[in-house]
Amino acid sequence: MNTYGIKRGHYANIEGDQLKALMKDIFGNVKKDGDKLVSTYGALDPLVVCLDGKKTITVETTMNPKVDNDVASETIAKYNDFLLRATGFTSKERKKKANKA
């Protein structure tokens, strides 16, 4: 389980049903399970997302190690795109924040 900060002012882009719509747009499927959103895509089986207020998002993933390299690469690209659009931070910015913590 990973917790990511949300860029200041970016919460307006994912509040309400917008996060669900974002997941459907990127992964093609999403279902609501209580306060969590669940998707599957490529090597992600499942991807569970939960908003923790306006400042953080929690993401839990399980990766299938038996997929081929093409599927794994595409899955990582989609996952990084999702995190960028959900948090407002690039992968470099997320890594820098994680190293500070």
PDB file of N, CA and C in Angstrom:
ATOM      1  N   MET A   1       0.850  -1.170   0.000  1.00  0.00           N
ATOM      2  CA  MET A   1       0.000   0.000   0.000  1.00  0.00           C
ATOM      3  C   MET A   1       0.897   1.235   0.000  1.00  0.00           C
ATOM      4  N   ASN A   2       0.622   2.150  -0.893  1.00  0.00           N
ATOM      5  CA  ASN A   2       1.378   3.394  -1.007  1.00  0.00           C
ATOM      6  C   ASN A   2       0.456   4.581  -0.840  1.00  0.00           C
ATOM      7  N   THR A   3       0.952   5.585  -0.142  1.00  0.00           N
ATOM      8  CA  THR A   3       0.206   6.829   0.023  1.00  0.00           C
ATOM      9  C   THR A   3       0.959   7.928  -0.709  1.00  0.00           C
ATOM     10  N   TYR A   4       0.237   8.661  -1.551  1.00  0.00           N
ATOM     11  CA  TYR A   4       0.822   9.733  -2.340  1.00  0.00           C
ATOM     12  C   TYR A   4       0.157  11.050  -1.984  1.00  0.00           C
ATOM     13  N   GLY A   5       0.956  12.105  -1.927  1.00  0.00           N
ATOM     14  CA  GLY A   5       0.416  13.435  -1.711  1.00  0.00           C
ATOM     15  C   GLY A   5      -0.254  13.940  -2.977  1.00  0.00           C
ATOM     16  N   ILE A   6      -1.234  14.806  -2.799  1.00  0.00           N
ATOM     17  CA  ILE A   6      -1.921  15.430  -3.926  1.00  0.00           C
ATOM     18  C   ILE A   6      -1.450  16.876  -4.005  1.00  0.00           C
ATOM     19  N   LYS A   7      -1.055  17.275  -5.187  1.00  0.00           N
ATOM     20  CA  LYS A   7      -0.544  18.628  -5.399  1.00  0.00           C
ATOM     21  C   LYS A   7      -1.581  19.661  -4.963  1.00  0.00           C
ATOM     22  N   ARG A   8      -1.092  20.715  -4.353  1.00  0.00           N
ATOM     23  CA  ARG A   8      -1.974  21.782  -3.878  1.00  0.00           C
ATOM     24  C   ARG A   8      -2.854  22.302  -5.019  1.00  0.00           C
ATOM     25  N   GLY A   9      -4.163  22.348  -4.766  1.00  0.00           N
ATOM     26  CA  GLY A   9      -5.111  22.829  -5.756  1.00  0.00           C
ATOM     27  C   GLY A   9      -5.563  21.771  -6.755  1.00  0.00           C
ATOM     28  N   HIS A  10      -4.936  20.593  -6.727  1.00  0.00           N
ATOM     29  CA  HIS A  10      -5.247  19.549  -7.700  1.00  0.00           C
ATOM     30  C   HIS A  10      -6.458  18.713  -7.291  1.00  0.00           C
ATOM     31  N   TYR A  11      -6.831  18.739  -6.035  1.00  0.00           N
ATOM     32  CA  TYR A  11      -7.950  17.924  -5.551  1.00  0.00           C
ATOM     33  C   TYR A  11      -9.234  18.202  -6.327  1.00  0.00           C
ATOM     34  N   ALA A  12      -9.423  19.419  -6.771  1.00  0.00           N
ATOM     35  CA  ALA A  12     -10.633  19.778  -7.533  1.00  0.00           C
ATOM     36  C   ALA A  12     -10.769  18.937  -8.803  1.00  0.00           C
ATOM     37  N   ASN A  13      -9.657  18.408  -9.309  1.00  0.00           N
ATOM     38  CA  ASN A  13      -9.676  17.591 -10.524  1.00  0.00           C
ATOM     39  C   ASN A  13     -10.110  16.147 -10.275  1.00  0.00           C
ATOM     40  N   ILE A  14     -10.127  15.711  -9.007  1.00  0.00           N
ATOM     41  CA  ILE A  14     -10.444  14.308  -8.719  1.00  0.00           C
ATOM     42  C   ILE A  14     -11.558  14.139  -7.695  1.00  0.00           C
ATOM     43  N   GLU A  15     -12.142  15.234  -7.232  1.00  0.00           N
ATOM     44  CA  GLU A  15     -13.184  15.112  -6.209  1.00  0.00           C
ATOM     45  C   GLU A  15     -14.479  14.573  -6.807  1.00  0.00           C
ATOM     46  N   GLY A  16     -15.347  14.092  -5.930  1.00  0.00           N
ATOM     47  CA  GLY A  16     -16.620  13.535  -6.383  1.00  0.00           C
ATOM     48  C   GLY A  16     -16.403  12.285  -7.207  1.00  0.00           C
ATOM     49  N   ASP A  17     -17.074  12.195  -8.339  1.00  0.00           N
ATOM     50  CA  ASP A  17     -16.937  11.035  -9.218  1.00  0.00           C
ATOM     51  C   ASP A  17     -15.838  11.199 -10.263  1.00  0.00           C
ATOM     52  N   GLN A  18     -15.070  12.282 -10.164  1.00  0.00           N
ATOM     53  CA  GLN A  18     -14.033  12.526 -11.165  1.00  0.00           C
ATOM     54  C   GLN A  18     -12.901  11.503 -11.098  1.00  0.00           C
ATOM     55  N   LEU A  19     -12.551  11.040  -9.891  1.00  0.00           N
ATOM     56  CA  LEU A  19     -11.505  10.021  -9.763  1.00  0.00           C
ATOM     57  C   LEU A  19     -11.974   8.717 -10.406  1.00  0.00           C
ATOM     58  N   LYS A  20     -13.221   8.366 -10.187  1.00  0.00           N
ATOM     59  CA  LYS A  20     -13.796   7.161 -10.798  1.00  0.00           C
ATOM     60  C   LYS A  20     -13.765   7.274 -12.322  1.00  0.00           C
ATOM     61  N   ALA A  21     -14.134   8.429 -12.842  1.00  0.00           N
ATOM     62  CA  ALA A  21     -14.113   8.657 -14.290  1.00  0.00           C
ATOM     63  C   ALA A  21     -12.692   8.576 -14.835  1.00  0.00           C
ATOM     64  N   LEU A  22     -11.727   9.087 -14.083  1.00  0.00           N
ATOM     65  CA  LEU A  22     -10.318   9.034 -14.483  1.00  0.00           C
ATOM     66  C   LEU A  22      -9.858   7.582 -14.577  1.00  0.00           C
ATOM     67  N   MET A  23     -10.193   6.785 -13.569  1.00  0.00           N
ATOM     68  CA  MET A  23      -9.800   5.378 -13.583  1.00  0.00           C
ATOM     69  C   MET A  23     -10.451   4.642 -14.748  1.00  0.00           C
ATOM     70  N   LYS A  24     -11.709   4.940 -15.025  1.00  0.00           N
ATOM     71  CA  LYS A  24     -12.405   4.296 -16.153  1.00  0.00           C
ATOM     72  C   LYS A  24     -11.750   4.695 -17.469  1.00  0.00           C
ATOM     73  N   ASP A  25     -11.352   5.954 -17.583  1.00  0.00           N
ATOM     74  CA  ASP A  25     -10.703   6.452 -18.790  1.00  0.00           C
ATOM     75  C   ASP A  25      -9.357   5.756 -19.025  1.00  0.00           C
ATOM     76  N   ILE A  26      -8.577   5.577 -17.976  1.00  0.00           N
ATOM     77  CA  ILE A  26      -7.232   5.007 -18.122  1.00  0.00           C
ATOM     78  C   ILE A  26      -7.255   3.487 -18.178  1.00  0.00           C
ATOM     79  N   PHE A  27      -7.982   2.855 -17.265  1.00  0.00           N
ATOM     80  CA  PHE A  27      -7.938   1.400 -17.147  1.00  0.00           C
ATOM     81  C   PHE A  27      -9.102   0.686 -17.831  1.00  0.00           C
ATOM     82  N   GLY A  28     -10.134   1.427 -18.222  1.00  0.00           N
ATOM     83  CA  GLY A  28     -11.254   0.844 -18.935  1.00  0.00           C
ATOM     84  C   GLY A  28     -12.332   0.244 -18.058  1.00  0.00           C
ATOM     85  N   ASN A  29     -12.068   0.115 -16.776  1.00  0.00           N
ATOM     86  CA  ASN A  29     -13.064  -0.444 -15.874  1.00  0.00           C
ATOM     87  C   ASN A  29     -12.812   0.085 -14.471  1.00  0.00           C
ATOM     88  N   VAL A  30     -13.878   0.162 -13.693  1.00  0.00           N
ATOM     89  CA  VAL A  30     -13.766   0.573 -12.296  1.00  0.00           C
ATOM     90  C   VAL A  30     -15.064   0.192 -11.605  1.00  0.00           C
ATOM     91  N   LYS A  31     -14.945  -0.245 -10.375  1.00  0.00           N
ATOM     92  CA  LYS A  31     -16.145  -0.497  -9.585  1.00  0.00           C
ATOM     93  C   LYS A  31     -15.919   0.082  -8.195  1.00  0.00           C
ATOM     94  N   LYS A  32     -16.995   0.488  -7.579  1.00  0.00           N
ATOM     95  CA  LYS A  32     -16.932   1.090  -6.247  1.00  0.00           C
ATOM     96  C   LYS A  32     -17.163   0.001  -5.211  1.00  0.00           C
ATOM     97  N   ASP A  33     -16.308  -0.044  -4.205  1.00  0.00           N
ATOM     98  CA  ASP A  33     -16.421  -1.007  -3.112  1.00  0.00           C
ATOM     99  C   ASP A  33     -16.318  -0.216  -1.808  1.00  0.00           C
ATOM    100  N   GLY A  34     -17.465   0.256  -1.315  1.00  0.00           N
ATOM    101  CA  GLY A  34     -17.464   1.132  -0.147  1.00  0.00           C
ATOM    102  C   GLY A  34     -16.882   2.479  -0.523  1.00  0.00           C
ATOM    103  N   ASP A  35     -15.821   2.891   0.179  1.00  0.00           N
ATOM    104  CA  ASP A  35     -15.161   4.159  -0.142  1.00  0.00           C
ATOM    105  C   ASP A  35     -13.957   3.955  -1.061  1.00  0.00           C
ATOM    106  N   LYS A  36     -13.765   2.724  -1.557  1.00  0.00           N
ATOM    107  CA  LYS A  36     -12.626   2.400  -2.417  1.00  0.00           C
ATOM    108  C   LYS A  36     -13.086   2.208  -3.851  1.00  0.00           C
ATOM    109  N   LEU A  37     -12.168   2.496  -4.766  1.00  0.00           N
ATOM    110  CA  LEU A  37     -12.396   2.254  -6.188  1.00  0.00           C
ATOM    111  C   LEU A  37     -11.448   1.145  -6.629  1.00  0.00           C
ATOM    112  N   VAL A  38     -11.952   0.180  -7.369  1.00  0.00           N
ATOM    113  CA  VAL A  38     -11.170  -0.992  -7.752  1.00  0.00           C
ATOM    114  C   VAL A  38     -11.172  -1.143  -9.266  1.00  0.00           C
ATOM    115  N   SER A  39      -9.973  -1.337  -9.841  1.00  0.00           N
ATOM    116  CA  SER A  39      -9.813  -1.584 -11.272  1.00  0.00           C
ATOM    117  C   SER A  39      -8.843  -2.737 -11.476  1.00  0.00           C
ATOM    118  N   THR A  40      -8.901  -3.307 -12.659  1.00  0.00           N
ATOM    119  CA  THR A  40      -7.894  -4.273 -13.082  1.00  0.00           C
ATOM    120  C   THR A  40      -7.405  -3.831 -14.448  1.00  0.00           C
ATOM    121  N   TYR A  41      -6.128  -4.079 -14.714  1.00  0.00           N
ATOM    122  CA  TYR A  41      -5.574  -3.726 -16.019  1.00  0.00           C
ATOM    123  C   TYR A  41      -4.221  -4.420 -16.179  1.00  0.00           C
ATOM    124  N   GLY A  42      -4.024  -5.098 -17.269  1.00  0.00           N
ATOM    125  CA  GLY A  42      -2.733  -5.719 -17.557  1.00  0.00           C
ATOM    126  C   GLY A  42      -2.222  -6.546 -16.397  1.00  0.00           C
ATOM    127  N   ALA A  43      -1.083  -6.140 -15.840  1.00  0.00           N
ATOM    128  CA  ALA A  43      -0.464  -6.860 -14.725  1.00  0.00           C
ATOM    129  C   ALA A  43      -1.029  -6.430 -13.371  1.00  0.00           C
ATOM    130  N   LEU A  44      -1.872  -5.406 -13.351  1.00  0.00           N
ATOM    131  CA  LEU A  44      -2.481  -4.950 -12.093  1.00  0.00           C
ATOM    132  C   LEU A  44      -3.744  -5.756 -11.828  1.00  0.00           C
ATOM    133  N   ASP A  45      -3.715  -6.534 -10.769  1.00  0.00           N
ATOM    134  CA  ASP A  45      -4.886  -7.351 -10.460  1.00  0.00           C
ATOM    135  C   ASP A  45      -5.013  -7.533  -8.965  1.00  0.00           C
ATOM    136  N   PRO A  46      -5.649  -6.689  -8.253  1.00  0.00           N
ATOM    137  CA  PRO A  46      -6.353  -5.471  -8.634  1.00  0.00           C
ATOM    138  C   PRO A  46      -5.549  -4.214  -8.286  1.00  0.00           C
ATOM    139  N   LEU A  47      -6.123  -3.085  -8.631  1.00  0.00           N
ATOM    140  CA  LEU A  47      -5.648  -1.763  -8.236  1.00  0.00           C
ATOM    141  C   LEU A  47      -6.761  -1.168  -7.377  1.00  0.00           C
ATOM    142  N   VAL A  48      -6.454  -0.882  -6.118  1.00  0.00           N
ATOM    143  CA  VAL A  48      -7.451  -0.358  -5.179  1.00  0.00           C
ATOM    144  C   VAL A  48      -7.030   1.058  -4.787  1.00  0.00           C
ATOM    145  N   VAL A  49      -7.929   2.013  -4.957  1.00  0.00           N
ATOM    146  CA  VAL A  49      -7.624   3.425  -4.711  1.00  0.00           C
ATOM    147  C   VAL A  49      -8.621   3.996  -3.707  1.00  0.00           C
ATOM    148  N   CYS A  50      -8.092   4.796  -2.771  1.00  0.00           N
ATOM    149  CA  CYS A  50      -8.935   5.423  -1.758  1.00  0.00           C
ATOM    150  C   CYS A  50      -8.420   6.839  -1.506  1.00  0.00           C
ATOM    151  N   LEU A  51      -9.312   7.811  -1.555  1.00  0.00           N
ATOM    152  CA  LEU A  51      -8.932   9.188  -1.221  1.00  0.00           C
ATOM    153  C   LEU A  51      -8.919   9.342   0.292  1.00  0.00           C
ATOM    154  N   ASP A  52      -7.861   9.921   0.807  1.00  0.00           N
ATOM    155  CA  ASP A  52      -7.729  10.183   2.237  1.00  0.00           C
ATOM    156  C   ASP A  52      -7.812  11.682   2.475  1.00  0.00           C
ATOM    157  N   GLY A  53      -8.972  12.245   2.280  1.00  0.00           N
ATOM    158  CA  GLY A  53      -9.123  13.687   2.402  1.00  0.00           C
ATOM    159  C   GLY A  53      -8.671  14.375   1.125  1.00  0.00           C
ATOM    160  N   LYS A  54      -8.288  15.640   1.261  1.00  0.00           N
ATOM    161  CA  LYS A  54      -7.917  16.434   0.096  1.00  0.00           C
ATOM    162  C   LYS A  54      -6.422  16.435  -0.175  1.00  0.00           C
ATOM    163  N   LYS A  55      -5.636  15.809   0.713  1.00  0.00           N
ATOM    164  CA  LYS A  55      -4.190  15.914   0.574  1.00  0.00           C
ATOM    165  C   LYS A  55      -3.477  14.637   0.179  1.00  0.00           C
ATOM    166  N   THR A  56      -4.109  13.480   0.361  1.00  0.00           N
ATOM    167  CA  THR A  56      -3.435  12.222   0.029  1.00  0.00           C
ATOM    168  C   THR A  56      -4.378  11.220  -0.619  1.00  0.00           C
ATOM    169  N   ILE A  57      -3.769  10.320  -1.351  1.00  0.00           N
ATOM    170  CA  ILE A  57      -4.470   9.227  -1.999  1.00  0.00           C
ATOM    171  C   ILE A  57      -3.700   7.943  -1.671  1.00  0.00           C
ATOM    172  N   THR A  58      -4.430   6.893  -1.318  1.00  0.00           N
ATOM    173  CA  THR A  58      -3.806   5.610  -1.012  1.00  0.00           C
ATOM    174  C   THR A  58      -4.081   4.658  -2.161  1.00  0.00           C
ATOM    175  N   VAL A  59      -3.016   4.002  -2.616  1.00  0.00           N
ATOM    176  CA  VAL A  59      -3.124   3.079  -3.740  1.00  0.00           C
ATOM    177  C   VAL A  59      -2.528   1.742  -3.313  1.00  0.00           C
ATOM    178  N   GLU A  60      -3.297   0.693  -3.498  1.00  0.00           N
ATOM    179  CA  GLU A  60      -2.827  -0.660  -3.204  1.00  0.00           C
ATOM    180  C   GLU A  60      -2.879  -1.458  -4.501  1.00  0.00           C
ATOM    181  N   THR A  61      -1.753  -2.062  -4.856  1.00  0.00           N
ATOM    182  CA  THR A  61      -1.696  -2.821  -6.097  1.00  0.00           C
ATOM    183  C   THR A  61      -1.141  -4.213  -5.846  1.00  0.00           C
ATOM    184  N   THR A  62      -1.573  -5.126  -6.672  1.00  0.00           N
ATOM    185  CA  THR A  62      -0.992  -6.454  -6.718  1.00  0.00           C
ATOM    186  C   THR A  62      -0.606  -6.690  -8.174  1.00  0.00           C
ATOM    187  N   MET A  63       0.671  -6.957  -8.391  1.00  0.00           N
ATOM    188  CA  MET A  63       1.164  -7.161  -9.749  1.00  0.00           C
ATOM    189  C   MET A  63       1.263  -8.656 -10.047  1.00  0.00           C
ATOM    190  N   ASN A  64       0.852  -9.044 -11.232  1.00  0.00           N
ATOM    191  CA  ASN A  64       0.972 -10.413 -11.684  1.00  0.00           C
ATOM    192  C   ASN A  64       2.341 -10.577 -12.334  1.00  0.00           C
ATOM    193  N   PRO A  65       3.245 -11.346 -11.716  1.00  0.00           N
ATOM    194  CA  PRO A  65       4.599 -11.480 -12.270  1.00  0.00           C
ATOM    195  C   PRO A  65       4.670 -12.374 -13.504  1.00  0.00           C
ATOM    196  N   LYS A  66       3.586 -13.022 -13.864  1.00  0.00           N
ATOM    197  CA  LYS A  66       3.600 -13.982 -14.975  1.00  0.00           C
ATOM    198  C   LYS A  66       3.240 -13.372 -16.323  1.00  0.00           C
ATOM    199  N   VAL A  67       3.070 -12.046 -16.380  1.00  0.00           N
ATOM    200  CA  VAL A  67       2.735 -11.415 -17.663  1.00  0.00           C
ATOM    201  C   VAL A  67       4.015 -11.181 -18.460  1.00  0.00           C
ATOM    202  N   ASP A  68       3.865 -11.055 -19.779  1.00  0.00           N
ATOM    203  CA  ASP A  68       5.058 -10.824 -20.596  1.00  0.00           C
ATOM    204  C   ASP A  68       5.535  -9.375 -20.465  1.00  0.00           C
ATOM    205  N   ASN A  69       6.708  -9.106 -20.962  1.00  0.00           N
ATOM    206  CA  ASN A  69       7.342  -7.790 -20.804  1.00  0.00           C
ATOM    207  C   ASN A  69       6.545  -6.660 -21.445  1.00  0.00           C
ATOM    208  N   ASP A  70       5.914  -6.913 -22.577  1.00  0.00           N
ATOM    209  CA  ASP A  70       5.126  -5.870 -23.242  1.00  0.00           C
ATOM    210  C   ASP A  70       3.947  -5.444 -22.374  1.00  0.00           C
ATOM    211  N   VAL A  71       3.251  -6.416 -21.799  1.00  0.00           N
ATOM    212  CA  VAL A  71       2.110  -6.118 -20.927  1.00  0.00           C
ATOM    213  C   VAL A  71       2.594  -5.386 -19.677  1.00  0.00           C
ATOM    214  N   ALA A  72       3.717  -5.832 -19.115  1.00  0.00           N
ATOM    215  CA  ALA A  72       4.265  -5.186 -17.922  1.00  0.00           C
ATOM    216  C   ALA A  72       4.634  -3.733 -18.202  1.00  0.00           C
ATOM    217  N   SER A  73       5.279  -3.474 -19.333  1.00  0.00           N
ATOM    218  CA  SER A  73       5.679  -2.109 -19.701  1.00  0.00           C
ATOM    219  C   SER A  73       4.464  -1.219 -19.899  1.00  0.00           C
ATOM    220  N   GLU A  74       3.451  -1.730 -20.601  1.00  0.00           N
ATOM    221  CA  GLU A  74       2.240  -0.951 -20.837  1.00  0.00           C
ATOM    222  C   GLU A  74       1.505  -0.678 -19.526  1.00  0.00           C
ATOM    223  N   THR A  75       1.495  -1.667 -18.638  1.00  0.00           N
ATOM    224  CA  THR A  75       0.841  -1.506 -17.335  1.00  0.00           C
ATOM    225  C   THR A  75       1.525  -0.415 -16.520  1.00  0.00           C
ATOM    226  N   ILE A  76       2.839  -0.420 -16.498  1.00  0.00           N
ATOM    227  CA  ILE A  76       3.589   0.592 -15.745  1.00  0.00           C
ATOM    228  C   ILE A  76       3.332   1.981 -16.315  1.00  0.00           C
ATOM    229  N   ALA A  77       3.284   2.095 -17.637  1.00  0.00           N
ATOM    230  CA  ALA A  77       3.012   3.395 -18.271  1.00  0.00           C
ATOM    231  C   ALA A  77       1.625   3.901 -17.882  1.00  0.00           C
ATOM    232  N   LYS A  78       0.619   3.030 -17.934  1.00  0.00           N
ATOM    233  CA  LYS A  78      -0.746   3.426 -17.559  1.00  0.00           C
ATOM    234  C   LYS A  78      -0.818   3.803 -16.083  1.00  0.00           C
ATOM    235  N   TYR A  79      -0.146   3.029 -15.236  1.00  0.00           N
ATOM    236  CA  TYR A  79      -0.135   3.297 -13.794  1.00  0.00           C
ATOM    237  C   TYR A  79       0.497   4.659 -13.506  1.00  0.00           C
ATOM    238  N   ASN A  80       1.618   4.952 -14.155  1.00  0.00           N
ATOM    239  CA  ASN A  80       2.267   6.253 -13.964  1.00  0.00           C
ATOM    240  C   ASN A  80       1.405   7.393 -14.485  1.00  0.00           C
ATOM    241  N   ASP A  81       0.718   7.173 -15.595  1.00  0.00           N
ATOM    242  CA  ASP A  81      -0.208   8.178 -16.125  1.00  0.00           C
ATOM    243  C   ASP A  81      -1.335   8.429 -15.125  1.00  0.00           C
ATOM    244  N   PHE A  82      -1.868   7.353 -14.558  1.00  0.00           N
ATOM    245  CA  PHE A  82      -2.917   7.490 -13.552  1.00  0.00           C
ATOM    246  C   PHE A  82      -2.423   8.307 -12.357  1.00  0.00           C
ATOM    247  N   LEU A  83      -1.251   7.960 -11.834  1.00  0.00           N
ATOM    248  CA  LEU A  83      -0.736   8.689 -10.666  1.00  0.00           C
ATOM    249  C   LEU A  83      -0.480  10.158 -10.986  1.00  0.00           C
ATOM    250  N   LEU A  84       0.019  10.445 -12.178  1.00  0.00           N
ATOM    251  CA  LEU A  84       0.229  11.841 -12.589  1.00  0.00           C
ATOM    252  C   LEU A  84      -1.094  12.592 -12.604  1.00  0.00           C
ATOM    253  N   ARG A  85      -2.104  12.010 -13.218  1.00  0.00           N
ATOM    254  CA  ARG A  85      -3.392  12.689 -13.345  1.00  0.00           C
ATOM    255  C   ARG A  85      -4.162  12.723 -12.026  1.00  0.00           C
ATOM    256  N   ALA A  86      -3.912  11.764 -11.145  1.00  0.00           N
ATOM    257  CA  ALA A  86      -4.612  11.730  -9.859  1.00  0.00           C
ATOM    258  C   ALA A  86      -3.951  12.621  -8.810  1.00  0.00           C
ATOM    259  N   THR A  87      -2.623  12.718  -8.837  1.00  0.00           N
ATOM    260  CA  THR A  87      -1.922  13.486  -7.803  1.00  0.00           C
ATOM    261  C   THR A  87      -1.427  14.845  -8.289  1.00  0.00           C
ATOM    262  N   GLY A  88      -1.210  14.976  -9.589  1.00  0.00           N
ATOM    263  CA  GLY A  88      -0.650  16.211 -10.121  1.00  0.00           C
ATOM    264  C   GLY A  88       0.870  16.231 -10.087  1.00  0.00           C
ATOM    265  N   PHE A  89       1.489  15.162  -9.589  1.00  0.00           N
ATOM    266  CA  PHE A  89       2.952  15.071  -9.508  1.00  0.00           C
ATOM    267  C   PHE A  89       3.475  14.053 -10.521  1.00  0.00           C
ATOM    268  N   THR A  90       4.609  14.384 -11.161  1.00  0.00           N
ATOM    269  CA  THR A  90       5.263  13.441 -12.066  1.00  0.00           C
ATOM    270  C   THR A  90       5.939  12.347 -11.238  1.00  0.00           C
ATOM    271  N   SER A  91       6.395  11.305 -11.910  1.00  0.00           N
ATOM    272  CA  SER A  91       7.067  10.219 -11.194  1.00  0.00           C
ATOM    273  C   SER A  91       8.347  10.718 -10.516  1.00  0.00           C
ATOM    274  N   LYS A  92       9.059  11.643 -11.148  1.00  0.00           N
ATOM    275  CA  LYS A  92      10.263  12.215 -10.527  1.00  0.00           C
ATOM    276  C   LYS A  92       9.908  12.983  -9.254  1.00  0.00           C
ATOM    277  N   GLU A  93       8.830  13.768  -9.321  1.00  0.00           N
ATOM    278  CA  GLU A  93       8.396  14.538  -8.153  1.00  0.00           C
ATOM    279  C   GLU A  93       7.931  13.620  -7.033  1.00  0.00           C
ATOM    280  N   ARG A  94       7.215  12.533  -7.383  1.00  0.00           N
ATOM    281  CA  ARG A  94       6.769  11.577  -6.374  1.00  0.00           C
ATOM    282  C   ARG A  94       7.960  10.891  -5.722  1.00  0.00           C
ATOM    283  N   LYS A  95       8.956  10.528  -6.512  1.00  0.00           N
ATOM    284  CA  LYS A  95      10.154   9.878  -5.975  1.00  0.00           C
ATOM    285  C   LYS A  95      10.911  10.823  -5.039  1.00  0.00           C
ATOM    286  N   LYS A  96      11.025  12.073  -5.442  1.00  0.00           N
ATOM    287  CA  LYS A  96      11.722  13.073  -4.618  1.00  0.00           C
ATOM    288  C   LYS A  96      11.003  13.254  -3.286  1.00  0.00           C
ATOM    289  N   LYS A  97       9.671  13.321  -3.298  1.00  0.00           N
ATOM    290  CA  LYS A  97       8.896  13.454  -2.069  1.00  0.00           C
ATOM    291  C   LYS A  97       9.050  12.217  -1.182  1.00  0.00           C
ATOM    292  N   ALA A  98       9.080  11.047  -1.808  1.00  0.00           N
ATOM    293  CA  ALA A  98       9.231   9.798  -1.043  1.00  0.00           C
ATOM    294  C   ALA A  98      10.604   9.731  -0.393  1.00  0.00           C
ATOM    295  N   ASN A  99      11.619  10.204  -1.089  1.00  0.00           N
ATOM    296  CA  ASN A  99      12.976  10.192  -0.524  1.00  0.00           C
ATOM    297  C   ASN A  99      13.097  11.159   0.652  1.00  0.00           C
ATOM    298  N   LYS A 100      12.372  12.287   0.582  1.00  0.00           N
ATOM    299  CA  LYS A 100      12.394  13.241   1.695  1.00  0.00           C
ATOM    300  C   LYS A 100      11.752  12.635   2.937  1.00  0.00           C
ATOM    301  N   ALA A 101      10.695  11.873   2.733  1.00  0.00           N
ATOM    302  CA  ALA A 101       9.978  11.264   3.862  1.00  0.00           C
ATOM    303  C   ALA A 101      10.752  10.089   4.371  1.00  0.00           C
TER     304      ALA A 101
END
